[in-house]
């Protein structure tokens, strides 16, 4: 009698189910960029209201550092928000450039 065995996953269960880590990474980056974009829009909306509680600047930078730099940059320019602060005008594109360089390096290294 022949027995059939299921192949053993060689890594994480998510990689075994998707076959590659790229869909998981793409889903994460999509979610984080949408979150960063929405945070910029929400903070711009709150900035127009007097006395409203605002989103902290470090929260906006943290959302960019966690992978949402493209969404944060697009949110800055679409909503015209935080464009007078030099640390946002220079910081967000620098974070985006560093993350792009890191992503390209990882892609071509492995």
N, C-alpha and C. Protein backbone atom coordinates (compact mmCIF):
# COMPACT_ATOMS: atom_id res chain seq x y z
N UNK A 1 0.84 -1.16 0.00
CA UNK A 1 0.00 0.00 0.00
C UNK A 1 0.90 1.24 0.00
N UNK A 2 0.58 2.17 -0.88
CA UNK A 2 1.35 3.40 -1.00
C UNK A 2 0.74 4.48 -0.12
N UNK A 3 1.61 5.20 0.58
CA UNK A 3 1.13 6.32 1.40
C UNK A 3 1.60 7.63 0.78
N UNK A 4 0.72 8.59 0.81
CA UNK A 4 1.04 9.91 0.28
C UNK A 4 1.22 10.87 1.44
N UNK A 5 2.27 11.63 1.35
CA UNK A 5 2.57 12.62 2.38
C UNK A 5 2.46 14.01 1.78
N UNK A 6 1.91 14.90 2.55
CA UNK A 6 1.84 16.30 2.12
C UNK A 6 3.23 16.91 2.23
N UNK A 7 3.57 17.80 1.32
CA UNK A 7 4.89 18.43 1.41
C UNK A 7 5.01 19.27 2.68
N UNK A 8 6.16 19.25 3.27
CA UNK A 8 6.40 20.02 4.49
C UNK A 8 6.74 21.46 4.13
N UNK A 9 6.17 22.42 4.84
CA UNK A 9 6.53 23.81 4.57
C UNK A 9 7.98 24.06 4.96
N UNK A 10 8.69 24.75 4.10
CA UNK A 10 10.11 24.99 4.37
C UNK A 10 10.33 26.29 5.13
N UNK A 11 9.30 27.00 5.44
CA UNK A 11 9.45 28.27 6.14
C UNK A 11 8.21 28.59 6.93
N UNK A 12 7.87 29.83 6.94
CA UNK A 12 6.70 30.31 7.66
C UNK A 12 5.42 29.80 6.98
N UNK A 13 4.36 29.66 7.74
CA UNK A 13 3.10 29.15 7.19
C UNK A 13 2.52 30.08 6.14
N UNK A 14 2.70 31.39 6.33
CA UNK A 14 2.17 32.34 5.34
C UNK A 14 2.90 32.18 4.01
N UNK A 15 4.18 31.89 4.05
CA UNK A 15 4.94 31.69 2.81
C UNK A 15 4.53 30.38 2.15
N UNK A 16 4.22 29.39 2.98
CA UNK A 16 3.80 28.11 2.43
C UNK A 16 2.46 28.24 1.72
N UNK A 17 1.57 29.06 2.28
CA UNK A 17 0.25 29.21 1.68
C UNK A 17 0.29 30.09 0.43
N UNK A 18 1.11 31.13 0.43
CA UNK A 18 1.14 32.03 -0.71
C UNK A 18 2.19 31.64 -1.73
N UNK A 19 3.19 30.86 -1.31
CA UNK A 19 4.24 30.45 -2.24
C UNK A 19 5.38 31.44 -2.31
N UNK A 20 5.18 32.62 -1.80
CA UNK A 20 6.20 33.66 -1.85
C UNK A 20 5.88 34.70 -0.79
N UNK A 21 6.89 35.38 -0.27
CA UNK A 21 6.61 36.43 0.71
C UNK A 21 6.11 37.72 0.08
N UNK A 22 6.21 37.84 -1.24
CA UNK A 22 5.86 39.10 -1.90
C UNK A 22 4.40 39.52 -1.72
N UNK A 23 3.41 38.63 -1.80
CA UNK A 23 2.03 39.07 -1.56
C UNK A 23 1.81 39.57 -0.13
N UNK A 24 2.47 38.96 0.83
CA UNK A 24 2.33 39.40 2.22
C UNK A 24 2.94 40.78 2.39
N UNK A 25 4.13 40.98 1.81
CA UNK A 25 4.81 42.27 1.90
C UNK A 25 4.01 43.35 1.17
N UNK A 26 3.50 43.02 -0.01
CA UNK A 26 2.71 43.99 -0.77
C UNK A 26 1.43 44.37 -0.03
N UNK A 27 0.79 43.42 0.60
CA UNK A 27 -0.41 43.72 1.38
C UNK A 27 -0.11 44.62 2.56
N UNK A 28 1.00 44.34 3.25
CA UNK A 28 1.40 45.18 4.38
C UNK A 28 1.70 46.60 3.93
N UNK A 29 2.48 46.74 2.86
CA UNK A 29 2.83 48.08 2.38
C UNK A 29 1.62 48.85 1.89
N UNK A 30 0.69 48.16 1.25
CA UNK A 30 -0.55 48.82 0.81
C UNK A 30 -1.33 49.34 2.01
N UNK A 31 -1.47 48.52 3.03
CA UNK A 31 -2.23 48.93 4.22
C UNK A 31 -1.56 50.09 4.94
N UNK A 32 -0.25 50.04 5.09
CA UNK A 32 0.47 51.10 5.80
C UNK A 32 0.43 52.40 5.01
N UNK A 33 0.55 52.34 3.69
CA UNK A 33 0.50 53.55 2.89
C UNK A 33 -0.89 54.17 2.88
N UNK A 34 -1.92 53.35 2.84
CA UNK A 34 -3.28 53.89 2.94
C UNK A 34 -3.51 54.53 4.30
N UNK A 35 -2.97 53.92 5.35
CA UNK A 35 -3.09 54.47 6.70
C UNK A 35 -2.38 55.82 6.79
N UNK A 36 -1.16 55.93 6.25
CA UNK A 36 -0.41 57.18 6.31
C UNK A 36 -1.11 58.27 5.51
N UNK A 37 -1.65 57.91 4.35
CA UNK A 37 -2.40 58.87 3.54
C UNK A 37 -3.63 59.37 4.29
N UNK A 38 -4.36 58.44 4.91
CA UNK A 38 -5.56 58.80 5.66
C UNK A 38 -5.22 59.65 6.88
N UNK A 39 -4.09 59.37 7.53
CA UNK A 39 -3.68 60.18 8.68
C UNK A 39 -3.41 61.63 8.26
N UNK A 40 -2.78 61.81 7.13
CA UNK A 40 -2.52 63.18 6.64
C UNK A 40 -3.84 63.91 6.37
N UNK A 41 -4.77 63.22 5.73
CA UNK A 41 -6.07 63.83 5.45
C UNK A 41 -6.86 64.13 6.71
N UNK A 42 -6.81 63.20 7.67
CA UNK A 42 -7.50 63.40 8.94
C UNK A 42 -6.91 64.57 9.70
N UNK A 43 -5.58 64.68 9.73
CA UNK A 43 -4.94 65.78 10.44
C UNK A 43 -5.22 67.11 9.76
N UNK A 44 -5.28 67.12 8.44
CA UNK A 44 -5.63 68.36 7.73
C UNK A 44 -7.07 68.77 8.07
N UNK A 45 -7.95 67.81 8.13
CA UNK A 45 -9.34 68.10 8.50
C UNK A 45 -9.41 68.67 9.91
N UNK A 46 -8.65 68.08 10.83
CA UNK A 46 -8.63 68.57 12.21
C UNK A 46 -7.96 69.92 12.32
N UNK A 47 -7.02 70.23 11.44
CA UNK A 47 -6.32 71.51 11.49
C UNK A 47 -7.26 72.67 11.13
N UNK A 48 -8.25 72.39 10.33
CA UNK A 48 -9.19 73.45 9.94
C UNK A 48 -10.18 73.79 11.04
N UNK A 49 -10.37 72.87 11.98
CA UNK A 49 -11.31 73.11 13.08
C UNK A 49 -10.57 73.70 14.26
N UNK A 50 -11.14 74.74 14.84
CA UNK A 50 -10.50 75.36 16.00
C UNK A 50 -10.67 74.50 17.22
N UNK A 51 -9.57 74.33 17.96
CA UNK A 51 -9.62 73.61 19.22
C UNK A 51 -9.69 72.10 19.09
N UNK A 52 -9.60 71.57 17.88
CA UNK A 52 -9.68 70.12 17.70
C UNK A 52 -8.34 69.48 18.02
N UNK A 53 -8.38 68.27 18.58
CA UNK A 53 -7.14 67.55 18.86
C UNK A 53 -6.54 67.08 17.55
N UNK A 54 -5.22 67.24 17.43
CA UNK A 54 -4.52 66.93 16.20
C UNK A 54 -3.73 65.64 16.33
N UNK A 55 -3.30 65.13 15.21
CA UNK A 55 -2.42 63.97 15.17
C UNK A 55 -1.01 64.48 15.43
N UNK A 56 -0.28 63.79 16.31
CA UNK A 56 1.08 64.22 16.63
C UNK A 56 1.98 64.07 15.40
N UNK A 57 2.96 64.98 15.31
CA UNK A 57 3.89 64.91 14.19
C UNK A 57 4.72 63.64 14.24
N UNK A 58 5.05 63.18 15.43
CA UNK A 58 5.83 61.95 15.51
C UNK A 58 5.00 60.75 15.05
N UNK A 59 3.69 60.81 15.19
CA UNK A 59 2.84 59.74 14.68
C UNK A 59 2.86 59.73 13.16
N UNK A 60 2.85 60.92 12.56
CA UNK A 60 2.93 61.00 11.10
C UNK A 60 4.27 60.47 10.60
N UNK A 61 5.35 60.82 11.29
CA UNK A 61 6.66 60.31 10.91
C UNK A 61 6.77 58.81 11.15
N UNK A 62 6.19 58.32 12.24
CA UNK A 62 6.24 56.90 12.53
C UNK A 62 5.50 56.10 11.47
N UNK A 63 4.38 56.61 11.00
CA UNK A 63 3.66 55.91 9.94
C UNK A 63 4.48 55.85 8.66
N UNK A 64 5.27 56.89 8.42
CA UNK A 64 6.16 56.89 7.25
C UNK A 64 7.32 55.92 7.46
N UNK A 65 7.88 55.89 8.66
CA UNK A 65 9.01 55.01 8.93
C UNK A 65 8.62 53.53 8.91
N UNK A 66 7.39 53.23 9.21
CA UNK A 66 6.93 51.85 9.19
C UNK A 66 6.62 51.34 7.79
N UNK A 67 6.87 52.16 6.78
CA UNK A 67 6.67 51.74 5.39
C UNK A 67 5.68 52.57 4.63
N UNK A 68 5.06 53.56 5.26
CA UNK A 68 4.04 54.36 4.60
C UNK A 68 4.54 55.69 4.08
N UNK A 69 5.80 55.75 3.70
CA UNK A 69 6.36 57.04 3.26
C UNK A 69 5.74 57.53 1.95
N UNK A 70 5.43 56.62 1.05
CA UNK A 70 4.79 57.04 -0.21
C UNK A 70 3.40 57.61 0.06
N UNK A 71 2.63 56.96 0.91
CA UNK A 71 1.31 57.47 1.27
C UNK A 71 1.38 58.79 2.00
N UNK A 72 2.40 58.95 2.87
CA UNK A 72 2.56 60.20 3.60
C UNK A 72 2.95 61.33 2.65
N UNK A 73 3.84 61.06 1.71
CA UNK A 73 4.23 62.09 0.73
C UNK A 73 3.05 62.48 -0.15
N UNK A 74 2.31 61.50 -0.62
CA UNK A 74 1.13 61.80 -1.44
C UNK A 74 0.08 62.55 -0.64
N UNK A 75 -0.10 62.19 0.62
CA UNK A 75 -1.04 62.90 1.47
C UNK A 75 -0.62 64.33 1.73
N UNK A 76 0.69 64.54 1.90
CA UNK A 76 1.19 65.91 2.09
C UNK A 76 0.86 66.78 0.88
N UNK A 77 1.09 66.23 -0.31
CA UNK A 77 0.90 67.04 -1.51
C UNK A 77 -0.57 67.12 -1.91
N UNK A 78 -1.33 66.06 -1.75
CA UNK A 78 -2.75 66.10 -2.12
C UNK A 78 -3.56 67.03 -1.21
N UNK A 79 -3.29 66.95 0.09
CA UNK A 79 -4.03 67.76 1.04
C UNK A 79 -3.35 69.09 1.34
N UNK A 80 -2.19 69.32 0.75
CA UNK A 80 -1.36 70.51 1.03
C UNK A 80 -1.20 70.69 2.54
N UNK A 81 -0.74 69.61 3.15
CA UNK A 81 -0.62 69.59 4.60
C UNK A 81 0.84 69.42 5.01
N UNK A 82 1.27 70.21 5.96
CA UNK A 82 2.63 70.19 6.51
C UNK A 82 3.67 70.56 5.46
N UNK A 83 3.29 71.31 4.45
CA UNK A 83 4.24 71.68 3.40
C UNK A 83 5.07 72.91 3.75
N UNK A 84 4.74 73.58 4.85
CA UNK A 84 5.52 74.74 5.27
C UNK A 84 6.58 74.37 6.31
N UNK A 85 6.55 73.13 6.76
CA UNK A 85 7.53 72.67 7.74
C UNK A 85 8.68 72.01 7.00
N UNK A 86 9.89 72.54 7.16
CA UNK A 86 11.04 72.03 6.40
C UNK A 86 11.34 70.58 6.72
N UNK A 87 11.09 70.17 7.96
CA UNK A 87 11.40 68.79 8.33
C UNK A 87 10.44 67.80 7.70
N UNK A 88 9.25 68.24 7.32
CA UNK A 88 8.35 67.36 6.57
C UNK A 88 8.69 67.40 5.08
N UNK A 89 8.98 68.59 4.57
CA UNK A 89 9.27 68.73 3.15
C UNK A 89 10.54 67.97 2.78
N UNK A 90 11.53 67.95 3.66
CA UNK A 90 12.75 67.20 3.39
C UNK A 90 12.71 65.78 3.96
N UNK A 91 12.10 65.63 5.12
CA UNK A 91 12.13 64.35 5.81
C UNK A 91 11.36 63.25 5.12
N UNK A 92 10.14 63.53 4.69
CA UNK A 92 9.32 62.49 4.07
C UNK A 92 9.92 61.96 2.77
N UNK A 93 10.37 62.84 1.85
CA UNK A 93 11.02 62.29 0.64
C UNK A 93 12.33 61.56 0.94
N UNK A 94 13.07 61.98 1.97
CA UNK A 94 14.29 61.27 2.33
C UNK A 94 13.97 59.87 2.87
N UNK A 95 12.93 59.77 3.67
CA UNK A 95 12.51 58.45 4.16
C UNK A 95 12.07 57.58 2.98
N UNK A 96 11.33 58.16 2.05
CA UNK A 96 10.89 57.42 0.87
C UNK A 96 12.09 56.95 0.04
N UNK A 97 13.09 57.82 -0.15
CA UNK A 97 14.28 57.44 -0.91
C UNK A 97 15.06 56.33 -0.21
N UNK A 98 15.19 56.44 1.10
CA UNK A 98 15.92 55.41 1.85
C UNK A 98 15.19 54.08 1.80
N UNK A 99 13.85 54.10 1.93
CA UNK A 99 13.10 52.85 1.88
C UNK A 99 13.12 52.25 0.48
N UNK A 100 13.10 53.08 -0.54
CA UNK A 100 13.18 52.57 -1.91
C UNK A 100 14.54 51.94 -2.15
N UNK A 101 15.61 52.61 -1.70
CA UNK A 101 16.96 52.05 -1.86
C UNK A 101 17.10 50.73 -1.11
N UNK A 102 16.57 50.67 0.10
CA UNK A 102 16.62 49.44 0.89
C UNK A 102 15.84 48.32 0.20
N UNK A 103 14.66 48.64 -0.31
CA UNK A 103 13.85 47.64 -1.02
C UNK A 103 14.53 47.12 -2.27
N UNK A 104 15.14 48.01 -3.04
CA UNK A 104 15.86 47.57 -4.23
C UNK A 104 17.07 46.73 -3.88
N UNK A 105 17.79 47.12 -2.84
CA UNK A 105 18.94 46.35 -2.41
C UNK A 105 18.52 44.95 -1.96
N UNK A 106 17.44 44.85 -1.20
CA UNK A 106 16.96 43.55 -0.74
C UNK A 106 16.47 42.70 -1.92
N UNK A 107 15.80 43.34 -2.86
CA UNK A 107 15.26 42.62 -4.01
C UNK A 107 16.39 42.02 -4.85
N UNK A 108 17.42 42.80 -5.12
CA UNK A 108 18.50 42.32 -5.98
C UNK A 108 19.54 41.50 -5.23
N UNK A 109 19.55 41.57 -3.90
CA UNK A 109 20.50 40.77 -3.13
C UNK A 109 20.01 39.35 -2.93
N UNK A 110 18.72 39.20 -2.78
CA UNK A 110 18.20 37.86 -2.50
C UNK A 110 17.46 37.40 -3.71
